[in-house]
């Protein structure tokens, strides 16, 4: 068995253990974040039937996935990195989910290109929970007005919230905060949990885990 496949199965087993032990209702899906890895590295997972993959950069994603998506019709591609406004059209065309919506300009452009391309993308609003200056994301106190703008004025398909908690800190309180904010808006999806804190995220109701190194191994440096 290929190493990545073995890792995926180990993680799936761990998720099932946590869910059964805590009797949780939500079983999160795994987004395998395959940035810097070639399609050759990803093929064993595709052939196994895994469908959720994440990328951070548009150009890399285009080169890697455009042809593959034609062959694997069930494939769900997630944009998990910062989205620049000049790349929005390409993102709408290629991705099924965008996890990094955090400002009105981006929302407006997504709306424009969805109409132009006649394609709807599932969107997560990215929240900067700790108001970290070096990170993108909407501040929590702006969430309600931004959500209403996206849904009422632009008719965007906001499915959930996403966060990147501060590094080297217990992520639990941030996951709880995102969960509460999501519940307040009656949203179904929560994009939270990465290789270092996915167990905590599961306990707090995450529906999408963004796992890279845990499954793919050490990143190739670009």
N, C-alpha and C. Protein backbone atom coordinates (compact mmCIF):
# COMPACT_ATOMS: atom_id res chain seq x y z
N UNK A 1 0.84 -1.20 0.00
CA UNK A 1 0.00 0.00 0.00
C UNK A 1 0.88 1.26 0.00
N UNK A 2 0.47 2.23 -0.81
CA UNK A 2 1.23 3.48 -0.91
C UNK A 2 1.20 4.23 0.43
N UNK A 3 2.29 4.93 0.74
CA UNK A 3 2.42 5.63 2.04
C UNK A 3 1.28 6.60 2.29
N UNK A 4 0.93 7.41 1.29
CA UNK A 4 -0.13 8.41 1.49
C UNK A 4 -1.46 7.74 1.80
N UNK A 5 -1.72 6.64 1.14
CA UNK A 5 -2.97 5.91 1.36
C UNK A 5 -3.00 5.32 2.77
N UNK A 6 -1.86 4.81 3.19
CA UNK A 6 -1.74 4.26 4.54
C UNK A 6 -2.02 5.35 5.58
N UNK A 7 -1.43 6.54 5.35
CA UNK A 7 -1.64 7.66 6.26
C UNK A 7 -3.10 8.09 6.30
N UNK A 8 -3.73 8.13 5.12
CA UNK A 8 -5.14 8.51 5.06
C UNK A 8 -5.99 7.53 5.88
N UNK A 9 -5.71 6.25 5.72
CA UNK A 9 -6.48 5.24 6.46
C UNK A 9 -6.24 5.34 7.97
N UNK A 10 -5.00 5.65 8.36
CA UNK A 10 -4.70 5.83 9.79
C UNK A 10 -5.48 7.01 10.37
N UNK A 11 -5.54 8.10 9.60
CA UNK A 11 -6.27 9.28 10.06
C UNK A 11 -7.77 8.98 10.13
N UNK A 12 -8.29 8.29 9.13
CA UNK A 12 -9.71 7.92 9.14
C UNK A 12 -10.06 7.06 10.36
N UNK A 13 -9.15 6.14 10.69
CA UNK A 13 -9.35 5.29 11.87
C UNK A 13 -9.37 6.13 13.14
N UNK A 14 -8.44 7.08 13.22
CA UNK A 14 -8.37 7.98 14.38
C UNK A 14 -9.65 8.80 14.52
N UNK A 15 -10.14 9.32 13.40
CA UNK A 15 -11.38 10.10 13.41
C UNK A 15 -12.55 9.25 13.92
N UNK A 16 -12.64 8.04 13.40
CA UNK A 16 -13.72 7.13 13.83
C UNK A 16 -13.65 6.82 15.31
N UNK A 17 -12.42 6.64 15.81
CA UNK A 17 -12.22 6.36 17.24
C UNK A 17 -12.74 7.51 18.10
N UNK A 18 -12.39 8.73 17.70
CA UNK A 18 -12.81 9.92 18.46
C UNK A 18 -14.33 10.05 18.43
N UNK A 19 -14.92 9.86 17.26
CA UNK A 19 -16.37 10.00 17.11
C UNK A 19 -17.11 8.96 17.95
N UNK A 20 -16.62 7.72 17.90
CA UNK A 20 -17.28 6.66 18.67
C UNK A 20 -17.10 6.86 20.17
N UNK A 21 -15.89 7.26 20.56
CA UNK A 21 -15.60 7.44 21.99
C UNK A 21 -16.43 8.56 22.59
N UNK A 22 -16.56 9.65 21.84
CA UNK A 22 -17.29 10.82 22.35
C UNK A 22 -18.75 10.85 21.89
N UNK A 23 -19.13 9.84 21.11
CA UNK A 23 -20.50 9.75 20.56
C UNK A 23 -20.91 11.05 19.86
N UNK A 24 -20.04 11.48 18.96
CA UNK A 24 -20.29 12.72 18.23
C UNK A 24 -21.21 12.47 17.03
N UNK A 25 -21.98 13.48 16.68
CA UNK A 25 -22.91 13.34 15.55
C UNK A 25 -22.25 13.66 14.22
N UNK A 26 -21.22 14.48 14.25
CA UNK A 26 -20.61 14.97 13.01
C UNK A 26 -19.33 14.23 12.68
N UNK A 27 -19.27 13.67 11.48
CA UNK A 27 -18.02 13.06 11.02
C UNK A 27 -17.42 13.96 9.93
N UNK A 28 -16.27 14.57 10.20
CA UNK A 28 -15.71 15.50 9.21
C UNK A 28 -15.13 14.81 7.99
N UNK A 29 -15.18 15.52 6.88
CA UNK A 29 -14.53 15.05 5.66
C UNK A 29 -13.07 15.53 5.69
N UNK A 30 -12.22 14.76 5.06
CA UNK A 30 -10.80 15.13 5.00
C UNK A 30 -10.49 15.79 3.67
N UNK A 31 -10.00 17.02 3.74
CA UNK A 31 -9.45 17.68 2.55
C UNK A 31 -7.95 17.40 2.56
N UNK A 32 -7.47 16.65 1.60
CA UNK A 32 -6.03 16.40 1.51
C UNK A 32 -5.40 17.61 0.81
N UNK A 33 -4.61 18.37 1.57
CA UNK A 33 -3.99 19.58 1.01
C UNK A 33 -2.71 19.15 0.29
N UNK A 34 -2.78 19.22 -1.04
CA UNK A 34 -1.72 18.62 -1.87
C UNK A 34 -0.79 19.64 -2.49
N UNK A 35 -0.78 20.86 -1.94
CA UNK A 35 0.10 21.90 -2.48
C UNK A 35 1.56 21.42 -2.46
N UNK A 36 2.28 21.74 -3.48
CA UNK A 36 3.70 21.39 -3.74
C UNK A 36 3.90 19.93 -4.13
N UNK A 37 2.86 19.11 -4.04
CA UNK A 37 2.99 17.71 -4.46
C UNK A 37 2.46 17.54 -5.88
N UNK A 38 3.08 16.63 -6.63
CA UNK A 38 2.66 16.42 -8.01
C UNK A 38 1.42 15.54 -8.06
N UNK A 39 0.80 15.49 -9.22
CA UNK A 39 -0.39 14.65 -9.39
C UNK A 39 -0.02 13.18 -9.21
N UNK A 40 1.23 12.85 -9.53
CA UNK A 40 1.72 11.48 -9.35
C UNK A 40 1.65 11.08 -7.86
N UNK A 41 1.97 12.04 -6.98
CA UNK A 41 1.90 11.79 -5.54
C UNK A 41 0.46 11.59 -5.06
N UNK A 42 -0.46 12.23 -5.78
CA UNK A 42 -1.86 12.25 -5.36
C UNK A 42 -2.66 11.07 -5.93
N UNK A 43 -2.18 10.52 -7.06
CA UNK A 43 -2.94 9.48 -7.77
C UNK A 43 -3.38 8.30 -6.91
N UNK A 44 -2.54 7.77 -6.00
CA UNK A 44 -3.01 6.64 -5.19
C UNK A 44 -4.27 6.96 -4.40
N UNK A 45 -4.39 8.22 -3.94
CA UNK A 45 -5.57 8.62 -3.19
C UNK A 45 -6.78 8.77 -4.10
N UNK A 46 -6.55 9.32 -5.28
CA UNK A 46 -7.64 9.45 -6.27
C UNK A 46 -8.17 8.09 -6.68
N UNK A 47 -7.26 7.17 -6.93
CA UNK A 47 -7.67 5.84 -7.37
C UNK A 47 -8.36 5.06 -6.26
N UNK A 48 -8.02 5.39 -5.04
CA UNK A 48 -8.67 4.78 -3.87
C UNK A 48 -10.11 5.27 -3.73
N UNK A 49 -10.37 6.45 -4.31
CA UNK A 49 -11.73 7.00 -4.25
C UNK A 49 -11.86 8.24 -3.39
N UNK A 50 -10.73 8.77 -2.91
CA UNK A 50 -10.80 10.00 -2.12
C UNK A 50 -11.13 11.16 -3.06
N UNK A 51 -12.05 12.05 -2.64
CA UNK A 51 -12.50 13.08 -3.59
C UNK A 51 -12.18 14.52 -3.17
N UNK A 52 -11.84 14.77 -1.91
CA UNK A 52 -11.63 16.15 -1.45
C UNK A 52 -10.14 16.49 -1.39
N UNK A 53 -9.74 17.48 -2.20
CA UNK A 53 -8.35 17.91 -2.24
C UNK A 53 -8.28 19.44 -2.15
N UNK A 54 -7.22 19.94 -1.51
CA UNK A 54 -7.07 21.38 -1.33
C UNK A 54 -5.78 21.90 -1.92
N UNK A 55 -5.85 23.12 -2.44
CA UNK A 55 -4.67 23.80 -2.98
C UNK A 55 -4.64 25.23 -2.46
N UNK A 56 -3.42 25.80 -2.44
CA UNK A 56 -3.23 27.17 -1.95
C UNK A 56 -3.02 28.18 -3.07
N UNK A 57 -2.52 27.71 -4.20
CA UNK A 57 -2.17 28.63 -5.28
C UNK A 57 -2.89 28.26 -6.57
N UNK A 58 -3.43 29.28 -7.21
CA UNK A 58 -4.24 29.08 -8.41
C UNK A 58 -3.43 28.46 -9.55
N UNK A 59 -2.27 29.01 -9.83
CA UNK A 59 -1.50 28.54 -10.98
C UNK A 59 -1.12 27.06 -10.83
N UNK A 60 -0.66 26.71 -9.63
CA UNK A 60 -0.30 25.31 -9.38
C UNK A 60 -1.52 24.40 -9.52
N UNK A 61 -2.65 24.87 -8.99
CA UNK A 61 -3.88 24.07 -9.06
C UNK A 61 -4.34 23.87 -10.50
N UNK A 62 -4.25 24.93 -11.30
CA UNK A 62 -4.64 24.84 -12.72
C UNK A 62 -3.81 23.79 -13.44
N UNK A 63 -2.50 23.89 -13.26
CA UNK A 63 -1.59 22.96 -13.96
C UNK A 63 -1.82 21.53 -13.51
N UNK A 64 -2.12 21.36 -12.25
CA UNK A 64 -2.23 20.02 -11.68
C UNK A 64 -3.59 19.36 -11.92
N UNK A 65 -4.66 20.16 -11.81
CA UNK A 65 -5.99 19.55 -11.71
C UNK A 65 -6.90 19.72 -12.92
N UNK A 66 -6.61 20.63 -13.83
CA UNK A 66 -7.55 20.93 -14.92
C UNK A 66 -7.93 19.67 -15.70
N UNK A 67 -6.95 18.90 -16.12
CA UNK A 67 -7.24 17.68 -16.90
C UNK A 67 -7.80 16.56 -16.02
N UNK A 68 -7.26 16.45 -14.82
CA UNK A 68 -7.70 15.39 -13.89
C UNK A 68 -9.18 15.53 -13.56
N UNK A 69 -9.65 16.79 -13.43
CA UNK A 69 -11.06 17.02 -13.08
C UNK A 69 -12.00 16.52 -14.17
N UNK A 70 -11.52 16.50 -15.40
CA UNK A 70 -12.36 16.00 -16.51
C UNK A 70 -12.55 14.49 -16.39
N UNK A 71 -11.55 13.82 -15.85
CA UNK A 71 -11.60 12.37 -15.73
C UNK A 71 -12.32 11.91 -14.46
N UNK A 72 -12.03 12.59 -13.35
CA UNK A 72 -12.64 12.22 -12.06
C UNK A 72 -13.79 13.19 -11.76
N UNK A 73 -14.98 12.81 -12.19
CA UNK A 73 -16.14 13.72 -12.15
C UNK A 73 -16.59 14.05 -10.73
N UNK A 74 -16.32 13.19 -9.76
CA UNK A 74 -16.76 13.44 -8.39
C UNK A 74 -15.79 14.30 -7.60
N UNK A 75 -14.64 14.58 -8.17
CA UNK A 75 -13.59 15.32 -7.49
C UNK A 75 -14.09 16.68 -6.99
N UNK A 76 -13.79 16.99 -5.74
CA UNK A 76 -14.16 18.28 -5.15
C UNK A 76 -12.87 19.01 -4.78
N UNK A 77 -12.65 20.13 -5.44
CA UNK A 77 -11.41 20.87 -5.24
C UNK A 77 -11.67 22.09 -4.35
N UNK A 78 -10.82 22.26 -3.34
CA UNK A 78 -10.98 23.31 -2.34
C UNK A 78 -9.84 24.31 -2.43
N UNK A 79 -10.18 25.58 -2.58
CA UNK A 79 -9.19 26.65 -2.50
C UNK A 79 -9.05 27.02 -1.03
N UNK A 80 -7.91 26.69 -0.43
CA UNK A 80 -7.75 26.91 1.01
C UNK A 80 -6.76 28.03 1.34
N UNK A 81 -6.16 28.62 0.32
CA UNK A 81 -5.22 29.71 0.54
C UNK A 81 -5.86 31.06 0.29
N UNK A 82 -5.09 32.10 0.51
CA UNK A 82 -5.56 33.48 0.25
C UNK A 82 -5.84 33.63 -1.25
N UNK A 83 -6.97 34.23 -1.56
CA UNK A 83 -7.36 34.42 -2.96
C UNK A 83 -7.19 35.88 -3.36
N UNK A 84 -6.33 36.09 -4.36
CA UNK A 84 -6.11 37.46 -4.85
C UNK A 84 -7.19 37.81 -5.87
N UNK A 85 -7.57 39.07 -5.88
CA UNK A 85 -8.70 39.48 -6.72
C UNK A 85 -8.45 39.24 -8.21
N UNK A 86 -7.18 39.30 -8.64
CA UNK A 86 -6.91 39.09 -10.07
C UNK A 86 -6.96 37.60 -10.46
N UNK A 87 -7.16 36.73 -9.46
CA UNK A 87 -7.22 35.29 -9.75
C UNK A 87 -8.63 34.72 -9.53
N UNK A 88 -9.59 35.60 -9.25
CA UNK A 88 -10.92 35.12 -8.87
C UNK A 88 -11.60 34.33 -9.99
N UNK A 89 -11.50 34.83 -11.22
CA UNK A 89 -12.17 34.15 -12.33
C UNK A 89 -11.65 32.72 -12.49
N UNK A 90 -10.33 32.57 -12.42
CA UNK A 90 -9.73 31.23 -12.54
C UNK A 90 -10.17 30.34 -11.38
N UNK A 91 -10.27 30.93 -10.19
CA UNK A 91 -10.67 30.16 -9.00
C UNK A 91 -12.11 29.66 -9.14
N UNK A 92 -12.99 30.54 -9.58
CA UNK A 92 -14.41 30.15 -9.75
C UNK A 92 -14.53 29.04 -10.80
N UNK A 93 -13.74 29.16 -11.83
CA UNK A 93 -13.78 28.17 -12.91
C UNK A 93 -13.32 26.78 -12.45
N UNK A 94 -12.27 26.73 -11.63
CA UNK A 94 -11.64 25.47 -11.27
C UNK A 94 -12.14 24.85 -9.98
N UNK A 95 -12.41 25.67 -8.97
CA UNK A 95 -12.69 25.13 -7.63
C UNK A 95 -14.18 24.92 -7.37
N UNK A 96 -14.46 23.97 -6.49
CA UNK A 96 -15.83 23.71 -6.05
C UNK A 96 -16.13 24.42 -4.74
N UNK A 97 -15.09 24.62 -3.93
CA UNK A 97 -15.20 25.31 -2.64
C UNK A 97 -14.09 26.36 -2.56
N UNK A 98 -14.43 27.52 -2.00
CA UNK A 98 -13.42 28.52 -1.66
C UNK A 98 -13.54 28.80 -0.17
N UNK A 99 -12.43 28.63 0.56
CA UNK A 99 -12.46 28.72 2.03
C UNK A 99 -11.99 30.07 2.55
N UNK A 100 -11.66 31.00 1.66
CA UNK A 100 -10.97 32.21 2.12
C UNK A 100 -11.66 33.52 1.72
N UNK A 101 -13.00 33.51 1.70
CA UNK A 101 -13.74 34.74 1.42
C UNK A 101 -13.70 35.63 2.67
N UNK A 102 -13.20 36.86 2.51
CA UNK A 102 -13.09 37.69 3.73
C UNK A 102 -13.27 39.19 3.48
N UNK A 103 -13.70 39.58 2.27
CA UNK A 103 -13.94 41.01 2.06
C UNK A 103 -14.94 41.23 0.93
N UNK A 104 -15.51 42.43 0.90
CA UNK A 104 -16.59 42.74 -0.05
C UNK A 104 -16.12 42.73 -1.51
N UNK A 105 -14.91 43.20 -1.73
CA UNK A 105 -14.38 43.23 -3.10
C UNK A 105 -14.33 41.81 -3.68
N UNK A 106 -13.84 40.88 -2.86
CA UNK A 106 -13.74 39.48 -3.27
C UNK A 106 -15.14 38.90 -3.51
N UNK A 107 -16.05 39.20 -2.61
CA UNK A 107 -17.44 38.70 -2.72
C UNK A 107 -18.07 39.17 -4.02
N UNK A 108 -17.87 40.45 -4.32
CA UNK A 108 -18.44 41.05 -5.52
C UNK A 108 -17.88 40.39 -6.78
N UNK A 109 -16.58 40.13 -6.77
CA UNK A 109 -15.94 39.52 -7.94
C UNK A 109 -16.35 38.06 -8.11
N UNK A 110 -16.49 37.35 -7.00
CA UNK A 110 -16.96 35.96 -7.09
C UNK A 110 -18.37 35.94 -7.68
N UNK A 111 -19.21 36.85 -7.21
CA UNK A 111 -20.58 36.94 -7.72
C UNK A 111 -20.58 37.22 -9.23
N UNK A 112 -19.75 38.15 -9.64
CA UNK A 112 -19.66 38.54 -11.06
C UNK A 112 -19.25 37.35 -11.93
N UNK A 113 -18.19 36.64 -11.51
CA UNK A 113 -17.68 35.55 -12.35
C UNK A 113 -18.55 34.29 -12.27
N UNK A 114 -19.27 34.14 -11.18
CA UNK A 114 -20.22 33.01 -11.13
C UNK A 114 -21.30 33.20 -12.18
N UNK A 115 -21.78 34.44 -12.31
CA UNK A 115 -22.82 34.72 -13.33
C UNK A 115 -22.24 34.51 -14.72
N UNK A 116 -21.03 35.03 -14.92
CA UNK A 116 -20.40 34.94 -16.24
C UNK A 116 -20.13 33.49 -16.65
N UNK A 117 -19.67 32.68 -15.70
CA UNK A 117 -19.31 31.29 -15.99
C UNK A 117 -20.46 30.31 -15.76
N UNK A 118 -21.58 30.87 -15.25
CA UNK A 118 -22.76 30.04 -14.94
C UNK A 118 -22.39 28.85 -14.05
N UNK A 119 -21.69 29.18 -12.97
CA UNK A 119 -21.24 28.15 -12.03
C UNK A 119 -21.31 28.69 -10.61
N UNK A 120 -21.87 27.89 -9.70
CA UNK A 120 -21.93 28.31 -8.31
C UNK A 120 -20.88 27.57 -7.48
N UNK A 121 -20.16 28.33 -6.67
CA UNK A 121 -19.12 27.76 -5.81
C UNK A 121 -19.61 27.80 -4.36
N UNK A 122 -19.26 26.80 -3.59
CA UNK A 122 -19.60 26.79 -2.16
C UNK A 122 -18.53 27.60 -1.43
N UNK A 123 -18.96 28.50 -0.57
CA UNK A 123 -18.04 29.47 0.03
C UNK A 123 -18.00 29.41 1.55
N UNK A 124 -16.79 29.53 2.08
CA UNK A 124 -16.58 29.69 3.51
C UNK A 124 -16.10 31.12 3.75
N UNK A 125 -16.63 31.75 4.78
CA UNK A 125 -16.10 33.04 5.21
C UNK A 125 -14.95 32.77 6.18
N UNK A 126 -13.78 33.30 5.87
CA UNK A 126 -12.62 33.11 6.74
C UNK A 126 -12.62 34.17 7.84
N UNK A 127 -12.55 33.70 9.08
CA UNK A 127 -12.58 34.60 10.23
C UNK A 127 -11.19 34.67 10.89
N UNK A 128 -10.74 35.89 11.14
CA UNK A 128 -9.48 36.10 11.87
C UNK A 128 -9.87 36.26 13.35
N UNK A 129 -10.00 35.14 14.04
CA UNK A 129 -10.57 35.13 15.39
C UNK A 129 -9.74 35.90 16.41
N UNK A 130 -8.43 35.85 16.28
CA UNK A 130 -7.57 36.51 17.27
C UNK A 130 -7.12 37.89 16.80
N UNK A 131 -7.71 38.38 15.71
CA UNK A 131 -7.36 39.70 15.15
C UNK A 131 -5.84 39.83 14.96
N UNK A 132 -5.24 38.79 14.37
CA UNK A 132 -3.80 38.80 14.14
C UNK A 132 -3.48 39.65 12.91
N UNK A 133 -2.60 40.59 13.06
CA UNK A 133 -2.31 41.54 11.98
C UNK A 133 -1.71 40.87 10.76
N UNK A 134 -0.93 39.80 10.96
CA UNK A 134 -0.25 39.16 9.83
C UNK A 134 -1.17 38.20 9.06
N UNK A 135 -2.38 38.01 9.55
CA UNK A 135 -3.28 37.06 8.90
C UNK A 135 -4.44 37.75 8.22
N UNK A 136 -4.88 37.13 7.13
CA UNK A 136 -6.10 37.63 6.48
C UNK A 136 -7.29 37.05 7.23
N UNK A 137 -8.46 37.47 6.84
CA UNK A 137 -9.68 37.00 7.50
C UNK A 137 -10.49 38.16 8.03
N UNK A 138 -11.78 37.95 8.07
CA UNK A 138 -12.71 38.96 8.56
C UNK A 138 -12.68 38.99 10.08
N UNK A 139 -12.77 40.17 10.67
CA UNK A 139 -12.87 40.26 12.13
C UNK A 139 -14.27 39.82 12.54
N UNK A 140 -14.33 39.13 13.66
CA UNK A 140 -15.59 38.50 14.09
C UNK A 140 -16.73 39.49 14.24
N UNK A 141 -16.42 40.70 14.72
CA UNK A 141 -17.53 41.66 14.92
C UNK A 141 -18.10 42.20 13.61
N UNK A 142 -17.45 41.88 12.48
CA UNK A 142 -17.99 42.29 11.18
C UNK A 142 -18.74 41.15 10.48
N UNK A 143 -18.81 40.01 11.15
CA UNK A 143 -19.36 38.82 10.47
C UNK A 143 -20.82 38.97 10.05
N UNK A 144 -21.67 39.41 10.96
CA UNK A 144 -23.10 39.45 10.64
C UNK A 144 -23.40 40.35 9.44
N UNK A 145 -22.82 41.54 9.43
CA UNK A 145 -23.11 42.47 8.32
C UNK A 145 -22.52 41.94 7.01
N UNK A 146 -21.33 41.33 7.08
CA UNK A 146 -20.72 40.78 5.86
C UNK A 146 -21.51 39.59 5.34
N UNK A 147 -21.93 38.72 6.24
CA UNK A 147 -22.73 37.56 5.85
C UNK A 147 -24.02 38.02 5.16
N UNK A 148 -24.69 39.01 5.76
CA UNK A 148 -25.95 39.51 5.17
C UNK A 148 -25.72 40.12 3.80
N UNK A 149 -24.61 40.83 3.66
CA UNK A 149 -24.25 41.41 2.35
C UNK A 149 -24.09 40.31 1.31
N UNK A 150 -23.32 39.27 1.66
CA UNK A 150 -23.04 38.17 0.71
C UNK A 150 -24.31 37.43 0.31
N UNK A 151 -25.18 37.19 1.27
CA UNK A 151 -26.37 36.38 1.02
C UNK A 151 -27.51 37.21 0.44
N UNK A 152 -27.81 38.35 1.08
CA UNK A 152 -28.97 39.15 0.66
C UNK A 152 -28.72 39.94 -0.61
N UNK A 153 -27.52 40.54 -0.71
CA UNK A 153 -27.27 41.41 -1.87
C UNK A 153 -26.65 40.67 -3.05
N UNK A 154 -25.83 39.65 -2.77
CA UNK A 154 -25.11 38.98 -3.86
C UNK A 154 -25.60 37.55 -4.12
N UNK A 155 -26.47 37.05 -3.25
CA UNK A 155 -26.99 35.67 -3.37
C UNK A 155 -25.88 34.63 -3.45
N UNK A 156 -24.80 34.84 -2.69
CA UNK A 156 -23.70 33.87 -2.68
C UNK A 156 -24.07 32.67 -1.81
N UNK A 157 -23.52 31.53 -2.16
CA UNK A 157 -23.80 30.30 -1.42
C UNK A 157 -22.78 30.13 -0.28
N UNK A 158 -23.05 30.81 0.83
CA UNK A 158 -22.17 30.70 2.00
C UNK A 158 -22.56 29.43 2.76
N UNK A 159 -21.65 28.46 2.80
CA UNK A 159 -21.98 27.19 3.46
C UNK A 159 -21.44 27.11 4.87
N UNK A 160 -20.42 27.94 5.20
CA UNK A 160 -19.85 27.82 6.54
C UNK A 160 -18.76 28.84 6.82
N UNK A 161 -18.08 28.63 7.93
CA UNK A 161 -16.99 29.51 8.38
C UNK A 161 -15.69 28.73 8.43
N UNK A 162 -14.58 29.45 8.27
CA UNK A 162 -13.25 28.84 8.31
C UNK A 162 -12.36 29.68 9.22
N UNK A 163 -11.43 29.02 9.92
CA UNK A 163 -10.46 29.77 10.71
C UNK A 163 -9.09 29.10 10.71
N UNK A 164 -8.08 29.92 10.98
CA UNK A 164 -6.70 29.46 11.22
C UNK A 164 -6.34 30.01 12.61
N UNK A 165 -6.48 29.21 13.66
CA UNK A 165 -6.19 29.74 15.00
C UNK A 165 -4.72 30.14 15.12
N UNK A 166 -4.41 30.98 16.11
CA UNK A 166 -3.00 31.34 16.33
C UNK A 166 -2.15 30.09 16.54
N UNK A 167 -0.94 30.12 16.02
CA UNK A 167 -0.04 28.97 16.18
C UNK A 167 0.45 28.88 17.63
N UNK A 168 0.87 27.68 18.01
CA UNK A 168 1.46 27.43 19.34
C UNK A 168 0.56 27.87 20.49
N UNK A 169 -0.72 27.67 20.32
CA UNK A 169 -1.65 28.04 21.39
C UNK A 169 -2.77 27.00 21.36
N UNK A 170 -3.43 26.80 22.48
CA UNK A 170 -4.53 25.84 22.49
C UNK A 170 -5.66 26.34 21.59
N UNK A 171 -5.92 25.58 20.54
CA UNK A 171 -6.90 26.01 19.54
C UNK A 171 -8.34 25.86 20.01
N UNK A 172 -8.53 25.18 21.13
CA UNK A 172 -9.87 24.80 21.58
C UNK A 172 -10.82 26.00 21.69
N UNK A 173 -10.36 27.07 22.34
CA UNK A 173 -11.28 28.20 22.56
C UNK A 173 -11.65 28.88 21.23
N UNK A 174 -10.72 28.85 20.27
CA UNK A 174 -11.02 29.46 18.97
C UNK A 174 -12.00 28.59 18.17
N UNK A 175 -11.83 27.29 18.27
CA UNK A 175 -12.77 26.38 17.59
C UNK A 175 -14.17 26.53 18.18
N UNK A 176 -14.24 26.66 19.51
CA UNK A 176 -15.55 26.83 20.16
C UNK A 176 -16.21 28.14 19.70
N UNK A 177 -15.41 29.17 19.60
CA UNK A 177 -15.91 30.47 19.17
C UNK A 177 -16.44 30.41 17.72
N UNK A 178 -15.70 29.72 16.86
CA UNK A 178 -16.14 29.60 15.46
C UNK A 178 -17.43 28.77 15.39
N UNK A 179 -17.48 27.72 16.18
CA UNK A 179 -18.67 26.87 16.21
C UNK A 179 -19.91 27.68 16.63
N UNK A 180 -19.75 28.49 17.68
CA UNK A 180 -20.87 29.30 18.15
C UNK A 180 -21.31 30.31 17.08
N UNK A 181 -20.33 30.93 16.43
CA UNK A 181 -20.64 31.92 15.38
C UNK A 181 -21.38 31.25 14.22
N UNK A 182 -20.96 30.04 13.90
CA UNK A 182 -21.59 29.27 12.83
C UNK A 182 -23.03 28.90 13.20
N UNK A 183 -23.19 28.43 14.43
CA UNK A 183 -24.55 28.07 14.91
C UNK A 183 -25.47 29.27 14.89
N UNK A 184 -24.95 30.44 15.27
CA UNK A 184 -25.77 31.66 15.31
C UNK A 184 -26.32 32.02 13.93
N UNK A 185 -25.57 31.65 12.89
CA UNK A 185 -26.00 31.94 11.51
C UNK A 185 -26.69 30.74 10.85
N UNK A 186 -26.85 29.67 11.62
CA UNK A 186 -27.46 28.43 11.09
C UNK A 186 -26.72 27.87 9.88
N UNK A 187 -25.39 27.94 9.93
CA UNK A 187 -24.58 27.39 8.85
C UNK A 187 -24.25 25.92 9.14
N UNK A 188 -24.13 25.13 8.09
CA UNK A 188 -23.94 23.69 8.28
C UNK A 188 -22.49 23.25 8.33
N UNK A 189 -21.58 24.04 7.74
CA UNK A 189 -20.20 23.57 7.59
C UNK A 189 -19.21 24.38 8.43
N UNK A 190 -18.18 23.68 8.88
CA UNK A 190 -17.09 24.33 9.63
C UNK A 190 -15.76 23.81 9.09
N UNK A 191 -14.98 24.70 8.52
CA UNK A 191 -13.66 24.34 8.00
C UNK A 191 -12.62 24.70 9.06
N UNK A 192 -12.29 23.71 9.88
CA UNK A 192 -11.29 23.97 10.92
C UNK A 192 -10.59 22.68 11.30
N UNK A 193 -9.31 22.83 11.63
CA UNK A 193 -8.50 21.68 11.98
C UNK A 193 -7.49 21.36 10.90
N UNK A 194 -6.20 21.38 11.29
CA UNK A 194 -5.13 21.03 10.38
C UNK A 194 -4.32 19.89 11.02
N UNK A 195 -3.19 19.57 10.43
CA UNK A 195 -2.44 18.39 10.89
C UNK A 195 -2.11 18.45 12.38
N UNK A 196 -1.88 19.66 12.91
CA UNK A 196 -1.44 19.77 14.31
C UNK A 196 -2.59 19.80 15.32
N UNK A 197 -3.81 20.13 14.86
CA UNK A 197 -4.90 20.30 15.84
C UNK A 197 -6.22 19.67 15.39
N UNK A 198 -6.14 18.69 14.49
CA UNK A 198 -7.38 18.14 13.92
C UNK A 198 -8.25 17.43 14.96
N UNK A 199 -7.62 16.83 15.99
CA UNK A 199 -8.41 16.10 17.00
C UNK A 199 -9.29 17.07 17.78
N UNK A 200 -8.72 18.20 18.13
CA UNK A 200 -9.47 19.26 18.80
C UNK A 200 -10.63 19.76 17.94
N UNK A 201 -10.35 19.89 16.65
CA UNK A 201 -11.36 20.38 15.71
C UNK A 201 -12.54 19.41 15.62
N UNK A 202 -12.24 18.12 15.61
CA UNK A 202 -13.31 17.11 15.55
C UNK A 202 -14.23 17.25 16.76
N UNK A 203 -13.62 17.40 17.94
CA UNK A 203 -14.39 17.52 19.18
C UNK A 203 -15.28 18.75 19.18
N UNK A 204 -14.93 19.75 18.38
CA UNK A 204 -15.70 20.98 18.32
C UNK A 204 -16.62 21.06 17.10
N UNK A 205 -16.81 19.94 16.43
CA UNK A 205 -17.82 19.88 15.37
C UNK A 205 -17.36 20.25 13.98
N UNK A 206 -16.06 20.19 13.72
CA UNK A 206 -15.58 20.48 12.37
C UNK A 206 -16.22 19.54 11.36
N UNK A 207 -16.53 20.06 10.18
CA UNK A 207 -17.07 19.19 9.11
C UNK A 207 -16.04 18.99 7.99
N UNK A 208 -15.02 19.86 7.94
CA UNK A 208 -13.93 19.70 6.97
C UNK A 208 -12.59 19.92 7.67
N UNK A 209 -11.74 18.91 7.62
CA UNK A 209 -10.37 19.02 8.14
C UNK A 209 -9.43 19.27 6.97
N UNK A 210 -8.51 20.21 7.12
CA UNK A 210 -7.57 20.53 6.05
C UNK A 210 -6.22 19.91 6.40
N UNK A 211 -5.96 18.73 5.90
CA UNK A 211 -4.77 17.96 6.31
C UNK A 211 -3.77 17.82 5.17
N UNK A 212 -2.56 18.32 5.41
CA UNK A 212 -1.51 18.24 4.40
C UNK A 212 -0.42 17.27 4.78
N UNK A 213 0.51 17.74 5.60
CA UNK A 213 1.69 16.93 5.93
C UNK A 213 1.34 15.62 6.61
N UNK A 214 0.27 15.61 7.37
CA UNK A 214 -0.14 14.39 8.07
C UNK A 214 -0.39 13.23 7.11
N UNK A 215 -0.85 13.55 5.91
CA UNK A 215 -1.15 12.52 4.92
C UNK A 215 -0.11 12.47 3.81
N UNK A 216 0.29 13.63 3.31
CA UNK A 216 1.19 13.70 2.16
C UNK A 216 2.66 13.59 2.56
N UNK A 217 2.97 13.87 3.84
CA UNK A 217 4.37 13.86 4.27
C UNK A 217 4.97 15.25 4.18
N UNK A 218 6.27 15.32 4.36
CA UNK A 218 6.98 16.60 4.37
C UNK A 218 6.85 17.28 3.01
N UNK A 219 6.58 18.58 3.04
CA UNK A 219 6.36 19.33 1.81
C UNK A 219 7.63 19.47 0.99
N UNK A 220 7.43 19.45 -0.33
CA UNK A 220 8.53 19.83 -1.24
C UNK A 220 8.64 21.34 -1.18
N UNK A 221 9.80 21.84 -1.02
CA UNK A 221 9.99 23.30 -0.95
C UNK A 221 10.03 23.87 -2.34
N UNK A 222 9.25 24.92 -2.55
CA UNK A 222 9.25 25.56 -3.88
C UNK A 222 10.09 26.82 -3.79
